[in-house]
PDB file of all heavy atoms in Angstrom:
ATOM      1  N   GLY A   1      38.862  25.788  20.175  1.00  0.00           N
ATOM      2  CA  GLY A   1      38.435  25.756  18.786  1.00  0.00           C
ATOM      3  C   GLY A   1      39.414  25.127  17.825  1.00  0.00           C
ATOM      4  O   GLY A   1      39.093  24.934  16.644  1.00  0.00           O
ATOM      5  N   ASN A   2      40.617  24.808  18.283  1.00  0.00           N
ATOM      6  CA  ASN A   2      41.593  24.157  17.408  1.00  0.00           C
ATOM      7  C   ASN A   2      41.053  22.806  16.943  1.00  0.00           C
ATOM      8  O   ASN A   2      40.477  22.046  17.732  1.00  0.00           O
ATOM      9  CB  ASN A   2      42.919  23.965  18.120  1.00  0.00           C
ATOM     10  CG  ASN A   2      43.687  25.260  18.259  1.00  0.00           C
ATOM     11  OD1 ASN A   2      43.354  26.258  17.622  1.00  0.00           O
ATOM     12  ND2 ASN A   2      44.708  25.265  19.099  1.00  0.00           N
ATOM     13  N   ILE A   3      41.279  22.508  15.680  1.00  0.00           N
ATOM     14  CA  ILE A   3      40.736  21.294  15.073  1.00  0.00           C
ATOM     15  C   ILE A   3      41.851  20.470  14.435  1.00  0.00           C
ATOM     16  O   ILE A   3      42.785  21.028  13.856  1.00  0.00           O
ATOM     17  CB  ILE A   3      39.665  21.647  14.025  1.00  0.00           C
ATOM     18  CG1 ILE A   3      38.401  22.163  14.726  1.00  0.00           C
ATOM     19  CG2 ILE A   3      39.317  20.447  13.158  1.00  0.00           C
ATOM     20  CD1 ILE A   3      37.328  22.645  13.787  1.00  0.00           C
ATOM     21  N   TYR A   4      41.698  19.179  14.573  1.00  0.00           N
ATOM     22  CA  TYR A   4      42.639  18.231  13.961  1.00  0.00           C
ATOM     23  C   TYR A   4      41.858  17.267  13.074  1.00  0.00           C
ATOM     24  O   TYR A   4      40.757  16.837  13.427  1.00  0.00           O
ATOM     25  CB  TYR A   4      43.369  17.435  15.040  1.00  0.00           C
ATOM     26  CG  TYR A   4      44.079  16.218  14.487  1.00  0.00           C
ATOM     27  CD1 TYR A   4      45.358  16.327  13.950  1.00  0.00           C
ATOM     28  CD2 TYR A   4      43.463  14.965  14.460  1.00  0.00           C
ATOM     29  CE1 TYR A   4      45.997  15.221  13.421  1.00  0.00           C
ATOM     30  CE2 TYR A   4      44.092  13.855  13.934  1.00  0.00           C
ATOM     31  CZ  TYR A   4      45.361  13.995  13.418  1.00  0.00           C
ATOM     32  OH  TYR A   4      45.986  12.899  12.889  1.00  0.00           O
ATOM     33  N   TYR A   5      42.461  16.937  11.921  1.00  0.00           N
ATOM     34  CA  TYR A   5      41.916  15.902  11.040  1.00  0.00           C
ATOM     35  C   TYR A   5      43.023  14.941  10.653  1.00  0.00           C
ATOM     36  O   TYR A   5      44.147  15.356  10.361  1.00  0.00           O
ATOM     37  CB  TYR A   5      41.330  16.482   9.761  1.00  0.00           C
ATOM     38  CG  TYR A   5      40.090  17.324   9.951  1.00  0.00           C
ATOM     39  CD1 TYR A   5      40.145  18.707   9.833  1.00  0.00           C
ATOM     40  CD2 TYR A   5      38.866  16.740  10.243  1.00  0.00           C
ATOM     41  CE1 TYR A   5      39.010  19.492  10.006  1.00  0.00           C
ATOM     42  CE2 TYR A   5      37.725  17.510  10.417  1.00  0.00           C
ATOM     43  CZ  TYR A   5      37.802  18.880  10.305  1.00  0.00           C
ATOM     44  OH  TYR A   5      36.672  19.649  10.473  1.00  0.00           O
ATOM     45  N   ALA A   6      42.705  13.675  10.614  1.00  0.00           N
ATOM     46  CA  ALA A   6      43.612  12.709  10.029  1.00  0.00           C
ATOM     47  C   ALA A   6      43.716  12.984   8.534  1.00  0.00           C
ATOM     48  O   ALA A   6      42.750  13.441   7.899  1.00  0.00           O
ATOM     49  CB  ALA A   6      43.090  11.291  10.271  1.00  0.00           C
ATOM     50  N   ASP A   7      44.875  12.702   7.971  1.00  0.00           N
ATOM     51  CA  ASP A   7      45.083  12.963   6.549  1.00  0.00           C
ATOM     52  C   ASP A   7      44.054  12.243   5.680  1.00  0.00           C
ATOM     53  O   ASP A   7      43.634  12.760   4.645  1.00  0.00           O
ATOM     54  CB  ASP A   7      46.491  12.539   6.136  1.00  0.00           C
ATOM     55  CG  ASP A   7      47.560  13.481   6.659  1.00  0.00           C
ATOM     56  OD1 ASP A   7      47.233  14.609   7.057  1.00  0.00           O
ATOM     57  OD2 ASP A   7      48.739  13.067   6.675  1.00  0.00           O
ATOM     58  N   SER A   8      43.661  11.072   6.114  1.00  0.00           N
ATOM     59  CA  SER A   8      42.758  10.250   5.312  1.00  0.00           C
ATOM     60  C   SER A   8      41.363  10.845   5.175  1.00  0.00           C
ATOM     61  O   SER A   8      40.605  10.428   4.291  1.00  0.00           O
ATOM     62  CB  SER A   8      42.656   8.846   5.912  1.00  0.00           C
ATOM     63  OG  SER A   8      42.184   8.908   7.251  1.00  0.00           O
ATOM     64  N   VAL A   9      41.012  11.809   6.026  1.00  0.00           N
ATOM     65  CA  VAL A   9      39.651  12.369   5.977  1.00  0.00           C
ATOM     66  C   VAL A   9      39.627  13.865   5.670  1.00  0.00           C
ATOM     67  O   VAL A   9      38.553  14.453   5.532  1.00  0.00           O
ATOM     68  CB  VAL A   9      38.881  12.101   7.294  1.00  0.00           C
ATOM     69  CG1 VAL A   9      38.894  10.607   7.630  1.00  0.00           C
ATOM     70  CG2 VAL A   9      39.429  12.919   8.444  1.00  0.00           C
ATOM     71  N   LYS A  10      40.788  14.472   5.556  1.00  0.00           N
ATOM     72  CA  LYS A  10      40.842  15.909   5.281  1.00  0.00           C
ATOM     73  C   LYS A  10      40.115  16.240   3.980  1.00  0.00           C
ATOM     74  O   LYS A  10      40.282  15.555   2.973  1.00  0.00           O
ATOM     75  CB  LYS A  10      42.296  16.377   5.190  1.00  0.00           C
ATOM     76  CG  LYS A  10      42.967  16.573   6.530  1.00  0.00           C
ATOM     77  CD  LYS A  10      44.408  17.057   6.364  1.00  0.00           C
ATOM     78  CE  LYS A  10      45.090  17.221   7.710  1.00  0.00           C
ATOM     79  NZ  LYS A  10      46.514  17.603   7.558  1.00  0.00           N
ATOM     80  N   GLY A  11      39.311  17.279   4.040  1.00  0.00           N
ATOM     81  CA  GLY A  11      38.553  17.691   2.867  1.00  0.00           C
ATOM     82  C   GLY A  11      37.243  16.960   2.696  1.00  0.00           C
ATOM     83  O   GLY A  11      36.419  17.355   1.856  1.00  0.00           O
ATOM     84  N   ARG A  12      37.028  15.894   3.474  1.00  0.00           N
ATOM     85  CA  ARG A  12      35.789  15.114   3.366  1.00  0.00           C
ATOM     86  C   ARG A  12      34.966  15.155   4.650  1.00  0.00           C
ATOM     87  O   ARG A  12      33.735  15.150   4.598  1.00  0.00           O
ATOM     88  CB  ARG A  12      36.097  13.660   3.029  1.00  0.00           C
ATOM     89  CG  ARG A  12      36.859  13.468   1.726  1.00  0.00           C
ATOM     90  CD  ARG A  12      36.956  11.992   1.359  1.00  0.00           C
ATOM     91  NE  ARG A  12      37.691  11.216   2.357  1.00  0.00           N
ATOM     92  CZ  ARG A  12      37.189  10.160   2.992  1.00  0.00           C
ATOM     93  NH1 ARG A  12      35.947   9.758   2.754  1.00  0.00           N
ATOM     94  NH2 ARG A  12      37.931   9.504   3.885  1.00  0.00           N
ATOM     95  N   PHE A  13      35.632  15.178   5.787  1.00  0.00           N
ATOM     96  CA  PHE A  13      34.953  15.171   7.085  1.00  0.00           C
ATOM     97  C   PHE A  13      35.081  16.540   7.745  1.00  0.00           C
ATOM     98  O   PHE A  13      36.094  17.227   7.586  1.00  0.00           O
ATOM     99  CB  PHE A  13      35.562  14.135   8.027  1.00  0.00           C
ATOM    100  CG  PHE A  13      35.319  12.705   7.640  1.00  0.00           C
ATOM    101  CD1 PHE A  13      34.783  12.342   6.428  1.00  0.00           C
ATOM    102  CD2 PHE A  13      35.644  11.692   8.540  1.00  0.00           C
ATOM    103  CE1 PHE A  13      34.568  11.019   6.085  1.00  0.00           C
ATOM    104  CE2 PHE A  13      35.438  10.363   8.230  1.00  0.00           C
ATOM    105  CZ  PHE A  13      34.898  10.031   6.992  1.00  0.00           C
ATOM    106  N   THR A  14      34.056  16.899   8.495  1.00  0.00           N
ATOM    107  CA  THR A  14      34.065  18.153   9.243  1.00  0.00           C
ATOM    108  C   THR A  14      33.576  17.903  10.659  1.00  0.00           C
ATOM    109  O   THR A  14      32.474  17.363  10.855  1.00  0.00           O
ATOM    110  CB  THR A  14      33.164  19.204   8.580  1.00  0.00           C
ATOM    111  OG1 THR A  14      33.583  19.432   7.238  1.00  0.00           O
ATOM    112  CG2 THR A  14      33.230  20.520   9.347  1.00  0.00           C
ATOM    113  N   ILE A  15      34.398  18.298  11.632  1.00  0.00           N
ATOM    114  CA  ILE A  15      33.996  18.198  13.027  1.00  0.00           C
ATOM    115  C   ILE A  15      33.513  19.563  13.498  1.00  0.00           C
ATOM    116  O   ILE A  15      34.087  20.595  13.122  1.00  0.00           O
ATOM    117  CB  ILE A  15      35.149  17.670  13.919  1.00  0.00           C
ATOM    118  CG1 ILE A  15      34.640  17.345  15.322  1.00  0.00           C
ATOM    119  CG2 ILE A  15      36.313  18.637  13.950  1.00  0.00           C
ATOM    120  CD1 ILE A  15      35.673  16.593  16.176  1.00  0.00           C
ATOM    121  N   SER A  16      32.463  19.569  14.282  1.00  0.00           N
ATOM    122  CA  SER A  16      31.928  20.828  14.798  1.00  0.00           C
ATOM    123  C   SER A  16      31.262  20.556  16.146  1.00  0.00           C
ATOM    124  O   SER A  16      31.062  19.401  16.526  1.00  0.00           O
ATOM    125  CB  SER A  16      30.929  21.440  13.817  1.00  0.00           C
ATOM    126  OG  SER A  16      29.815  20.585  13.644  1.00  0.00           O
ATOM    127  N   ARG A  17      30.943  21.625  16.836  1.00  0.00           N
ATOM    128  CA  ARG A  17      30.305  21.452  18.138  1.00  0.00           C
ATOM    129  C   ARG A  17      29.243  22.517  18.335  1.00  0.00           C
ATOM    130  O   ARG A  17      29.331  23.624  17.816  1.00  0.00           O
ATOM    131  CB  ARG A  17      31.330  21.530  19.265  1.00  0.00           C
ATOM    132  CG  ARG A  17      31.964  22.900  19.402  1.00  0.00           C
ATOM    133  CD  ARG A  17      33.036  22.923  20.446  1.00  0.00           C
ATOM    134  NE  ARG A  17      33.602  24.259  20.590  1.00  0.00           N
ATOM    135  CZ  ARG A  17      34.708  24.537  21.225  1.00  0.00           C
ATOM    136  NH1 ARG A  17      35.376  23.549  21.786  1.00  0.00           N
ATOM    137  NH2 ARG A  17      35.142  25.772  21.329  1.00  0.00           N
ATOM    138  N   ASP A  18      28.232  22.140  19.096  1.00  0.00           N
ATOM    139  CA  ASP A  18      27.177  23.054  19.500  1.00  0.00           C
ATOM    140  C   ASP A  18      27.226  23.115  21.021  1.00  0.00           C
ATOM    141  O   ASP A  18      26.761  22.190  21.697  1.00  0.00           O
ATOM    142  CB  ASP A  18      25.818  22.543  19.010  1.00  0.00           C
ATOM    143  CG  ASP A  18      24.676  23.495  19.320  1.00  0.00           C
ATOM    144  OD1 ASP A  18      24.770  24.239  20.313  1.00  0.00           O
ATOM    145  OD2 ASP A  18      23.680  23.459  18.591  1.00  0.00           O
ATOM    146  N   ASN A  19      27.815  24.178  21.548  1.00  0.00           N
ATOM    147  CA  ASN A  19      28.001  24.264  22.994  1.00  0.00           C
ATOM    148  C   ASN A  19      26.674  24.315  23.741  1.00  0.00           C
ATOM    149  O   ASN A  19      26.548  23.802  24.854  1.00  0.00           O
ATOM    150  CB  ASN A  19      28.845  25.482  23.339  1.00  0.00           C
ATOM    151  CG  ASN A  19      30.287  25.335  22.900  1.00  0.00           C
ATOM    152  OD1 ASN A  19      30.800  24.219  22.827  1.00  0.00           O
ATOM    153  ND2 ASN A  19      30.928  26.444  22.588  1.00  0.00           N
ATOM    154  N   ALA A  20      25.669  24.909  23.116  1.00  0.00           N
ATOM    155  CA  ALA A  20      24.363  25.010  23.775  1.00  0.00           C
ATOM    156  C   ALA A  20      23.741  23.636  23.970  1.00  0.00           C
ATOM    157  O   ALA A  20      23.002  23.413  24.934  1.00  0.00           O
ATOM    158  CB  ALA A  20      23.439  25.905  22.962  1.00  0.00           C
ATOM    159  N   LYS A  21      24.040  22.726  23.047  1.00  0.00           N
ATOM    160  CA  LYS A  21      23.485  21.377  23.126  1.00  0.00           C
ATOM    161  C   LYS A  21      24.489  20.376  23.679  1.00  0.00           C
ATOM    162  O   LYS A  21      24.183  19.185  23.774  1.00  0.00           O
ATOM    163  CB  LYS A  21      23.015  20.917  21.745  1.00  0.00           C
ATOM    164  CG  LYS A  21      21.875  21.742  21.172  1.00  0.00           C
ATOM    165  CD  LYS A  21      21.445  21.198  19.823  1.00  0.00           C
ATOM    166  CE  LYS A  21      20.276  21.987  19.262  1.00  0.00           C
ATOM    167  NZ  LYS A  21      19.840  21.477  17.926  1.00  0.00           N
ATOM    168  N   ASN A  22      25.696  20.855  24.014  1.00  0.00           N
ATOM    169  CA  ASN A  22      26.751  19.952  24.508  1.00  0.00           C
ATOM    170  C   ASN A  22      26.946  18.764  23.560  1.00  0.00           C
ATOM    171  O   ASN A  22      27.063  17.615  24.004  1.00  0.00           O
ATOM    172  CB  ASN A  22      26.406  19.453  25.913  1.00  0.00           C
ATOM    173  CG  ASN A  22      26.378  20.569  26.933  1.00  0.00           C
ATOM    174  OD1 ASN A  22      27.240  21.422  26.943  1.00  0.00           O
ATOM    175  ND2 ASN A  22      25.356  20.570  27.779  1.00  0.00           N
ATOM    176  N   THR A  23      26.956  19.066  22.289  1.00  0.00           N
ATOM    177  CA  THR A  23      27.014  18.023  21.268  1.00  0.00           C
ATOM    178  C   THR A  23      28.120  18.320  20.270  1.00  0.00           C
ATOM    179  O   THR A  23      28.310  19.477  19.875  1.00  0.00           O
ATOM    180  CB  THR A  23      25.670  17.898  20.541  1.00  0.00           C
ATOM    181  OG1 THR A  23      24.645  17.568  21.485  1.00  0.00           O
ATOM    182  CG2 THR A  23      25.721  16.824  19.475  1.00  0.00           C
ATOM    183  N   VAL A  24      28.835  17.273  19.888  1.00  0.00           N
ATOM    184  CA  VAL A  24      29.853  17.354  18.847  1.00  0.00           C
ATOM    185  C   VAL A  24      29.374  16.524  17.663  1.00  0.00           C
ATOM    186  O   VAL A  24      28.804  15.441  17.851  1.00  0.00           O
ATOM    187  CB  VAL A  24      31.203  16.831  19.358  1.00  0.00           C
ATOM    188  CG1 VAL A  24      32.201  16.718  18.231  1.00  0.00           C
ATOM    189  CG2 VAL A  24      31.751  17.757  20.430  1.00  0.00           C
ATOM    190  N   TYR A  25      29.609  17.040  16.488  1.00  0.00           N
ATOM    191  CA  TYR A  25      29.159  16.392  15.261  1.00  0.00           C
ATOM    192  C   TYR A  25      30.354  16.009  14.383  1.00  0.00           C
ATOM    193  O   TYR A  25      31.405  16.660  14.440  1.00  0.00           O
ATOM    194  CB  TYR A  25      28.253  17.328  14.469  1.00  0.00           C
ATOM    195  CG  TYR A  25      27.047  17.810  15.234  1.00  0.00           C
ATOM    196  CD1 TYR A  25      27.065  19.054  15.876  1.00  0.00           C
ATOM    197  CD2 TYR A  25      25.901  17.029  15.322  1.00  0.00           C
ATOM    198  CE1 TYR A  25      25.966  19.503  16.588  1.00  0.00           C
ATOM    199  CE2 TYR A  25      24.800  17.470  16.032  1.00  0.00           C
ATOM    200  CZ  TYR A  25      24.836  18.703  16.661  1.00  0.00           C
ATOM    201  OH  TYR A  25      23.749  19.143  17.368  1.00  0.00           O
ATOM    202  N   LEU A  26      30.163  14.993  13.587  1.00  0.00           N
ATOM    203  CA  LEU A  26      31.128  14.646  12.544  1.00  0.00           C
ATOM    204  C   LEU A  26      30.346  14.493  11.250  1.00  0.00           C
ATOM    205  O   LEU A  26      29.624  13.510  11.067  1.00  0.00           O
ATOM    206  CB  LEU A  26      31.883  13.363  12.880  1.00  0.00           C
ATOM    207  CG  LEU A  26      33.006  13.015  11.901  1.00  0.00           C
ATOM    208  CD1 LEU A  26      34.141  14.043  12.003  1.00  0.00           C
ATOM    209  CD2 LEU A  26      33.548  11.610  12.161  1.00  0.00           C
ATOM    210  N   GLN A  27      30.475  15.484  10.385  1.00  0.00           N
ATOM    211  CA  GLN A  27      29.848  15.428   9.068  1.00  0.00           C
ATOM    212  C   GLN A  27      30.805  14.712   8.128  1.00  0.00           C
ATOM    213  O   GLN A  27      31.951  15.146   7.953  1.00  0.00           O
ATOM    214  CB  GLN A  27      29.552  16.836   8.549  1.00  0.00           C
ATOM    215  CG  GLN A  27      28.959  16.858   7.154  1.00  0.00           C
ATOM    216  CD  GLN A  27      27.558  16.265   7.094  1.00  0.00           C
ATOM    217  OE1 GLN A  27      26.734  16.516   7.973  1.00  0.00           O
ATOM    218  NE2 GLN A  27      27.299  15.473   6.062  1.00  0.00           N
ATOM    219  N   MET A  28      30.334  13.617   7.553  1.00  0.00           N
ATOM    220  CA  MET A  28      31.179  12.791   6.704  1.00  0.00           C
ATOM    221  C   MET A  28      30.611  12.811   5.293  1.00  0.00           C
ATOM    222  O   MET A  28      29.482  12.335   5.066  1.00  0.00           O
ATOM    223  CB  MET A  28      31.236  11.364   7.243  1.00  0.00           C
ATOM    224  CG  MET A  28      31.707  11.286   8.691  1.00  0.00           C
ATOM    225  SD  MET A  28      31.898   9.597   9.282  1.00  0.00           S
ATOM    226  CE  MET A  28      30.213   9.033   9.245  1.00  0.00           C
ATOM    227  N   ASN A  29      31.375  13.362   4.371  1.00  0.00           N
ATOM    228  CA  ASN A  29      30.970  13.436   2.966  1.00  0.00           C
ATOM    229  C   ASN A  29      31.910  12.602   2.101  1.00  0.00           C
ATOM    230  O   ASN A  29      33.003  12.228   2.539  1.00  0.00           O
ATOM    231  CB  ASN A  29      30.982  14.882   2.490  1.00  0.00           C
ATOM    232  CG  ASN A  29      30.013  15.771   3.249  1.00  0.00           C
ATOM    233  OD1 ASN A  29      28.950  15.327   3.687  1.00  0.00           O
ATOM    234  ND2 ASN A  29      30.374  17.031   3.404  1.00  0.00           N
ATOM    235  N   SER A  30      31.482  12.334   0.895  1.00  0.00           N
ATOM    236  CA  SER A  30      32.301  11.568  -0.062  1.00  0.00           C
ATOM    237  C   SER A  30      32.839  10.293   0.576  1.00  0.00           C
ATOM    238  O   SER A  30      34.028   9.985   0.468  1.00  0.00           O
ATOM    239  CB  SER A  30      33.456  12.433  -0.580  1.00  0.00           C
ATOM    240  OG  SER A  30      32.980  13.614  -1.190  1.00  0.00           O
ATOM    241  N   LEU A  31      31.967   9.589   1.232  1.00  0.00           N
ATOM    242  CA  LEU A  31      32.397   8.394   1.970  1.00  0.00           C
ATOM    243  C   LEU A  31      32.920   7.315   1.034  1.00  0.00           C
ATOM    244  O   LEU A  31      32.436   7.143  -0.094  1.00  0.00           O
ATOM    245  CB  LEU A  31      31.245   7.864   2.812  1.00  0.00           C
ATOM    246  CG  LEU A  31      30.995   8.661   4.097  1.00  0.00           C
ATOM    247  CD1 LEU A  31      29.601   8.400   4.648  1.00  0.00           C
ATOM    248  CD2 LEU A  31      32.051   8.313   5.138  1.00  0.00           C
ATOM    249  N   LYS A  32      33.913   6.602   1.543  1.00  0.00           N
ATOM    250  CA  LYS A  32      34.576   5.537   0.797  1.00  0.00           C
ATOM    251  C   LYS A  32      34.407   4.221   1.556  1.00  0.00           C
ATOM    252  O   LYS A  32      34.234   4.239   2.784  1.00  0.00           O
ATOM    253  CB  LYS A  32      36.063   5.849   0.647  1.00  0.00           C
ATOM    254  CG  LYS A  32      36.375   7.197   0.024  1.00  0.00           C
ATOM    255  CD  LYS A  32      37.872   7.453   0.042  1.00  0.00           C
ATOM    256  CE  LYS A  32      38.215   8.803  -0.570  1.00  0.00           C
ATOM    257  NZ  LYS A  32      39.683   9.066  -0.559  1.00  0.00           N
ATOM    258  N   PRO A  33      34.527   3.100   0.865  1.00  0.00           N
ATOM    259  CA  PRO A  33      34.433   1.815   1.573  1.00  0.00           C
ATOM    260  C   PRO A  33      35.443   1.692   2.713  1.00  0.00           C
ATOM    261  O   PRO A  33      35.141   1.072   3.743  1.00  0.00           O
ATOM    262  CB  PRO A  33      34.716   0.791   0.463  1.00  0.00           C
ATOM    263  CG  PRO A  33      34.224   1.458  -0.775  1.00  0.00           C
ATOM    264  CD  PRO A  33      34.563   2.920  -0.587  1.00  0.00           C
ATOM    265  N   GLU A  34      36.603   2.301   2.552  1.00  0.00           N
ATOM    266  CA  GLU A  34      37.620   2.230   3.611  1.00  0.00           C
ATOM    267  C   GLU A  34      37.271   3.063   4.840  1.00  0.00           C
ATOM    268  O   GLU A  34      37.972   3.010   5.841  1.00  0.00           O
ATOM    269  CB  GLU A  34      38.998   2.636   3.076  1.00  0.00           C
ATOM    270  CG  GLU A  34      39.033   3.956   2.340  1.00  0.00           C
ATOM    271  CD  GLU A  34      38.947   3.775   0.837  1.00  0.00           C
ATOM    272  OE1 GLU A  34      38.113   2.949   0.372  1.00  0.00           O
ATOM    273  OE2 GLU A  34      39.694   4.472   0.124  1.00  0.00           O
ATOM    274  N   ASP A  35      36.202   3.834   4.779  1.00  0.00           N
ATOM    275  CA  ASP A  35      35.726   4.544   5.967  1.00  0.00           C
ATOM    276  C   ASP A  35      34.857   3.641   6.853  1.00  0.00           C
ATOM    277  O   ASP A  35      34.468   4.050   7.954  1.00  0.00           O
ATOM    278  CB  ASP A  35      34.899   5.768   5.567  1.00  0.00           C
ATOM    279  CG  ASP A  35      35.717   6.824   4.856  1.00  0.00           C
ATOM    280  OD1 ASP A  35      36.849   7.092   5.308  1.00  0.00           O
ATOM    281  OD2 ASP A  35      35.231   7.369   3.846  1.00  0.00           O
ATOM    282  N   THR A  36      34.560   2.450   6.379  1.00  0.00           N
ATOM    283  CA  THR A  36      33.755   1.517   7.161  1.00  0.00           C
ATOM    284  C   THR A  36      34.459   1.164   8.464  1.00  0.00           C
ATOM    285  O   THR A  36      35.619   0.749   8.462  1.00  0.00           O
ATOM    286  CB  THR A  36      33.494   0.231   6.351  1.00  0.00           C
ATOM    287  OG1 THR A  36      32.697   0.560   5.209  1.00  0.00           O
ATOM    288  CG2 THR A  36      32.767  -0.806   7.195  1.00  0.00           C
ATOM    289  N   ALA A  37      33.767   1.377   9.565  1.00  0.00           N
ATOM    290  CA  ALA A  37      34.346   1.136  10.888  1.00  0.00           C
ATOM    291  C   ALA A  37      33.281   1.416  11.951  1.00  0.00           C
ATOM    292  O   ALA A  37      32.211   1.959  11.641  1.00  0.00           O
ATOM    293  CB  ALA A  37      35.545   2.060  11.124  1.00  0.00           C
ATOM    294  N   VAL A  38      33.616   1.066  13.170  1.00  0.00           N
ATOM    295  CA  VAL A  38      32.837   1.550  14.313  1.00  0.00           C
ATOM    296  C   VAL A  38      33.459   2.874  14.741  1.00  0.00           C
ATOM    297  O   VAL A  38      34.675   2.951  14.960  1.00  0.00           O
ATOM    298  CB  VAL A  38      32.844   0.548  15.476  1.00  0.00           C
ATOM    299  CG1 VAL A  38      32.062   1.118  16.662  1.00  0.00           C
ATOM    300  CG2 VAL A  38      32.248  -0.780  15.043  1.00  0.00           C
ATOM    301  N   TYR A  39      32.642   3.885  14.839  1.00  0.00           N
ATOM    302  CA  TYR A  39      33.104   5.220  15.198  1.00  0.00           C
ATOM    303  C   TYR A  39      32.780   5.496  16.666  1.00  0.00           C
ATOM    304  O   TYR A  39      31.653   5.272  17.116  1.00  0.00           O
ATOM    305  CB  TYR A  39      32.459   6.269  14.302  1.00  0.00           C
ATOM    306  CG  TYR A  39      33.060   6.316  12.924  1.00  0.00           C
ATOM    307  CD1 TYR A  39      32.866   5.271  12.023  1.00  0.00           C
ATOM    308  CD2 TYR A  39      33.852   7.383  12.515  1.00  0.00           C
ATOM    309  CE1 TYR A  39      33.446   5.278  10.763  1.00  0.00           C
ATOM    310  CE2 TYR A  39      34.427   7.413  11.247  1.00  0.00           C
ATOM    311  CZ  TYR A  39      34.221   6.363  10.378  1.00  0.00           C
ATOM    312  OH  TYR A  39      34.800   6.388   9.133  1.00  0.00           O
ATOM    313  N   TYR A  40      33.790   5.982  17.386  1.00  0.00           N
ATOM    314  CA  TYR A  40      33.661   6.237  18.811  1.00  0.00           C
ATOM    315  C   TYR A  40      33.920   7.707  19.112  1.00  0.00           C
ATOM    316  O   TYR A  40      34.865   8.301  18.583  1.00  0.00           O
ATOM    317  CB  TYR A  40      34.677   5.418  19.607  1.00  0.00           C
ATOM    318  CG  TYR A  40      34.508   3.927  19.507  1.00  0.00           C
ATOM    319  CD1 TYR A  40      35.165   3.189  18.531  1.00  0.00           C
ATOM    320  CD2 TYR A  40      33.690   3.243  20.413  1.00  0.00           C
ATOM    321  CE1 TYR A  40      35.018   1.819  18.433  1.00  0.00           C
ATOM    322  CE2 TYR A  40      33.541   1.861  20.327  1.00  0.00           C
ATOM    323  CZ  TYR A  40      34.207   1.165  19.336  1.00  0.00           C
ATOM    324  OH  TYR A  40      34.053  -0.198  19.254  1.00  0.00           O
ATOM    325  N   CYS A  41      33.112   8.259  19.973  1.00  0.00           N
ATOM    326  CA  CYS A  41      33.334   9.591  20.489  1.00  0.00           C
ATOM    327  C   CYS A  41      34.164   9.486  21.771  1.00  0.00           C
ATOM    328  O   CYS A  41      34.004   8.531  22.547  1.00  0.00           O
ATOM    329  CB  CYS A  41      31.983  10.229  20.791  1.00  0.00           C
ATOM    330  SG  CYS A  41      32.047  11.894  21.443  1.00  0.00           S
TER     331      CYS A  41
END
């Protein structure tokens, strides 16, 4: 359950997981142009 965030996304992004669905999520709020990228799991 330990979680890490890069400083650039702290307070804006939230990582979570649903073990029943074997799925990890990244909720991204207050997005900025500098968040533009290809995101990889």
